[in-house]
Amino acid sequence: MLTAALSIATSVGSPLRGSRQQLLLGSQPAHPLRVNAGINWLAAETNGGSTSTPQQKAEMEVLAEMLERQNPCPAPTATPSLLDGEWD
C-alpha cells in the first residue's frame, strides 16, 4: 500500500514540495513528530481534506501509513493495558 500510494503521490499533479518531499522521499525514516507535523500541515492546507487534490490525498495516505508503521505497539486497541485510565 505504501509503495502504491507513494507512486500516486509522486506522479499525479504537481511535484512534491519542501518538507513533505523530504518526508516522503527521504532515505531515512522520518521522526514521528515530523510525520505528524506533515499531516497537520497538509490537513490545514486542504481544509481538513475537503479541498484536497488526488495528489494531496495520496500524500496523506503515505504520511498516515508512515506514522502507523512507527507505532511501537502493533495492535494498540487489542492491548487492554494501553486503554486503562479515565477517558473524558
Protein backbone atom coordinates (compact mmCIF):
# COMPACT_ATOMS: atom_id res chain seq x y z
CA MET A 1 0.00 0.00 0.00
CA LEU A 2 2.77 2.43 0.90
CA THR A 3 4.55 1.90 -2.42
CA ALA A 4 1.34 2.35 -4.43
CA ALA A 5 0.34 5.50 -2.57
CA LEU A 6 3.85 6.94 -2.88
CA SER A 7 3.79 6.23 -6.61
CA ILE A 8 0.48 8.09 -6.94
CA ALA A 9 1.73 10.94 -4.76
CA THR A 10 4.78 11.47 -6.96
CA SER A 11 3.08 11.03 -10.33
CA VAL A 12 -0.26 12.86 -10.02
CA GLY A 13 -0.42 16.60 -10.41
CA SER A 14 2.39 18.93 -9.44
CA PRO A 15 5.63 17.63 -7.93
CA LEU A 16 6.05 17.32 -4.18
CA ARG A 17 7.35 20.39 -2.39
CA GLY A 18 9.54 21.26 0.58
CA SER A 19 9.30 19.37 3.83
CA ARG A 20 6.65 16.94 2.55
CA GLN A 21 9.02 15.93 -0.23
CA GLN A 22 11.75 15.28 2.34
CA LEU A 23 9.36 13.22 4.49
CA LEU A 24 8.03 11.13 1.61
CA LEU A 25 11.19 10.65 -0.41
CA GLY A 26 13.94 10.72 2.24
CA SER A 27 16.28 7.76 2.59
CA GLN A 28 15.94 7.62 6.41
CA PRO A 29 12.72 7.01 8.34
CA ALA A 30 11.32 10.36 9.41
CA HIS A 31 10.85 11.13 13.10
CA PRO A 32 7.19 10.59 14.12
CA LEU A 33 6.84 14.23 15.17
CA ARG A 34 7.95 15.38 11.71
CA VAL A 35 5.46 13.00 10.07
CA ASN A 36 2.72 14.26 12.39
CA ALA A 37 3.63 17.86 11.54
CA GLY A 38 3.38 16.97 7.85
CA ILE A 39 -0.08 15.50 8.41
CA ASN A 40 -1.22 18.59 10.32
CA TRP A 41 0.22 20.95 7.69
CA LEU A 42 -1.44 19.04 4.83
CA ALA A 43 -4.76 18.93 6.71
CA ALA A 44 -4.63 22.69 7.24
CA GLU A 45 -3.67 23.30 3.60
CA THR A 46 -6.69 21.31 2.38
CA ASN A 47 -9.33 22.43 4.91
CA GLY A 48 -9.27 19.04 6.59
CA GLY A 49 -9.26 17.29 3.21
CA SER A 50 -12.36 18.98 1.81
CA THR A 51 -10.37 20.79 -0.89
CA SER A 52 -7.64 18.20 -1.48
CA THR A 53 -6.37 17.14 -4.88
CA PRO A 54 -5.73 13.49 -5.78
CA GLN A 55 -2.02 14.10 -5.13
CA GLN A 56 -2.69 15.54 -1.69
CA LYS A 57 -4.96 12.59 -0.83
CA ALA A 58 -2.22 10.18 -1.85
CA GLU A 59 0.34 12.13 0.16
CA MET A 60 -1.91 11.95 3.24
CA GLU A 61 -2.26 8.18 2.80
CA VAL A 62 1.53 7.85 2.66
CA LEU A 63 2.06 10.06 5.70
CA ALA A 64 -0.57 8.19 7.72
CA GLU A 65 0.96 4.85 6.83
CA MET A 66 4.44 6.14 7.71
CA LEU A 67 3.16 7.15 11.14
CA GLU A 68 1.32 3.85 11.65
CA ARG A 69 4.47 1.86 10.82
CA GLN A 70 6.36 3.64 13.60
CA ASN A 71 3.85 2.74 16.31
CA PRO A 72 5.72 0.51 18.81
CA CYS A 73 2.51 -1.40 19.60
CA PRO A 74 1.23 -3.33 16.55
CA ALA A 75 -2.35 -3.58 17.88
CA PRO A 76 -2.94 -0.81 20.42
CA THR A 77 -6.70 -1.37 20.72
CA ALA A 78 -6.13 -5.06 21.40
CA THR A 79 -3.83 -4.28 24.34
CA PRO A 80 -6.06 -3.61 27.38
CA SER A 81 -3.24 -2.11 29.45
CA LEU A 82 -2.94 0.73 26.95
CA LEU A 83 -6.63 1.52 27.28
CA ASP A 84 -6.77 1.69 31.09
CA GLY A 85 -7.46 5.04 32.65
CA GLU A 86 -10.07 7.76 32.71
CA TRP A 87 -11.48 8.98 29.43
CA ASP A 88 -13.34 12.27 29.11
